[in-house]
Protein backbone atom coordinates (compact mmCIF):
# COMPACT_ATOMS: atom_id res chain seq x y z
CA MET A 1 -25.06 -30.96 101.80
CA SER A 2 -27.30 -28.08 100.82
CA GLU A 3 -28.62 -26.49 97.65
CA TRP A 4 -26.97 -23.43 96.13
CA MET A 5 -28.39 -20.20 97.54
CA PRO A 6 -28.00 -16.66 96.17
CA ILE A 7 -25.09 -14.78 97.73
CA GLY A 8 -27.61 -12.13 98.85
CA GLU A 9 -28.74 -14.64 101.49
CA TRP A 10 -25.23 -15.05 102.98
CA ARG A 11 -26.53 -13.86 106.38
CA ARG A 12 -28.34 -17.24 106.57
CA CYS A 13 -25.03 -19.11 106.81
CA GLY A 14 -25.34 -18.84 110.60
CA GLU A 15 -28.48 -21.00 110.46
CA LEU A 16 -26.55 -23.68 108.57
CA ALA A 17 -23.27 -23.49 110.51
CA ARG A 18 -22.42 -26.63 112.50
CA PRO A 19 -19.21 -28.36 113.53
CA GLY A 20 -17.82 -30.08 110.45
CA VAL A 21 -19.61 -27.74 108.03
CA ALA A 22 -17.88 -25.19 105.80
CA PHE A 23 -19.24 -23.05 102.99
CA GLU A 24 -18.44 -23.05 99.30
CA ILE A 25 -18.86 -19.74 97.50
CA ARG A 26 -18.97 -19.80 93.69
CA ASN A 27 -18.78 -17.07 91.06
CA ALA A 28 -20.33 -16.97 87.57
CA GLU A 29 -17.24 -18.62 86.06
CA GLY A 30 -17.58 -21.63 88.38
CA MET A 31 -14.57 -20.73 90.53
CA SER A 32 -14.99 -21.66 94.20
CA LEU A 33 -13.59 -20.67 97.55
CA PHE A 34 -14.16 -22.43 100.86
CA THR A 35 -14.75 -20.53 104.08
CA PRO A 36 -16.38 -20.71 107.50
CA CYS A 37 -19.47 -18.59 108.13
CA THR A 38 -18.48 -14.95 108.67
CA ASP A 39 -20.45 -11.75 109.26
CA ALA A 40 -19.79 -10.49 105.73
CA VAL A 41 -19.20 -12.33 102.47
CA PRO A 42 -15.45 -12.95 102.27
CA LYS A 43 -13.50 -10.84 99.81
CA ALA A 44 -13.14 -12.51 96.42
CA PRO A 45 -9.68 -13.83 95.55
CA TRP A 46 -7.47 -11.66 93.33
CA ASP A 47 -7.97 -13.90 90.30
CA TRP A 48 -11.76 -13.76 90.27
CA THR A 49 -13.06 -11.61 87.43
CA SER A 50 -16.70 -11.84 88.52
CA PRO A 51 -18.18 -11.35 92.00
CA PRO A 52 -19.52 -14.16 94.21
CA LEU A 53 -22.82 -15.46 92.89
CA GLU A 54 -24.00 -18.25 95.21
CA PHE A 55 -23.06 -20.39 98.20
CA ARG A 56 -23.86 -23.70 99.84
CA ALA A 57 -23.01 -25.63 103.01
CA ILE A 58 -20.59 -28.53 102.51
CA SER A 59 -18.96 -31.12 104.75
CA GLU A 60 -15.44 -30.17 105.78
CA ALA A 61 -12.82 -32.57 104.54
CA PRO A 62 -11.41 -34.72 107.33
CA ALA A 63 -8.00 -33.75 108.61
CA GLU A 64 -5.14 -35.58 106.97
CA ARG A 65 -2.36 -36.99 109.07
CA SER A 66 1.11 -36.31 107.85
CA GLU A 67 3.71 -39.02 107.61
CA PRO A 68 6.01 -39.36 110.59
CA LEU A 69 9.33 -37.58 110.31
CA PRO A 70 12.10 -39.84 109.09
CA ALA A 71 14.70 -40.89 111.62
CA PRO A 72 17.90 -38.82 111.58
CA ARG A 73 20.65 -40.21 109.41
CA SER A 74 23.98 -40.97 110.95
CA ASP A 75 26.69 -40.27 108.41
């Protein structure tokens, strides 16, 4: 949806926030995390060895419906 922006501009996520929009944050190794817009950059996951580098707005994936529960078995 949008171009990658430097993580130093994270405060601008509020300008891009809309219903159906999430944000992808990426580090130098290409690892990503997905998050809503927050006041501060979210804490990097435990397995990231480099800090967040850039972010972009993306479309949220549509909700998936689960299969109906199977009927109870009568044994």
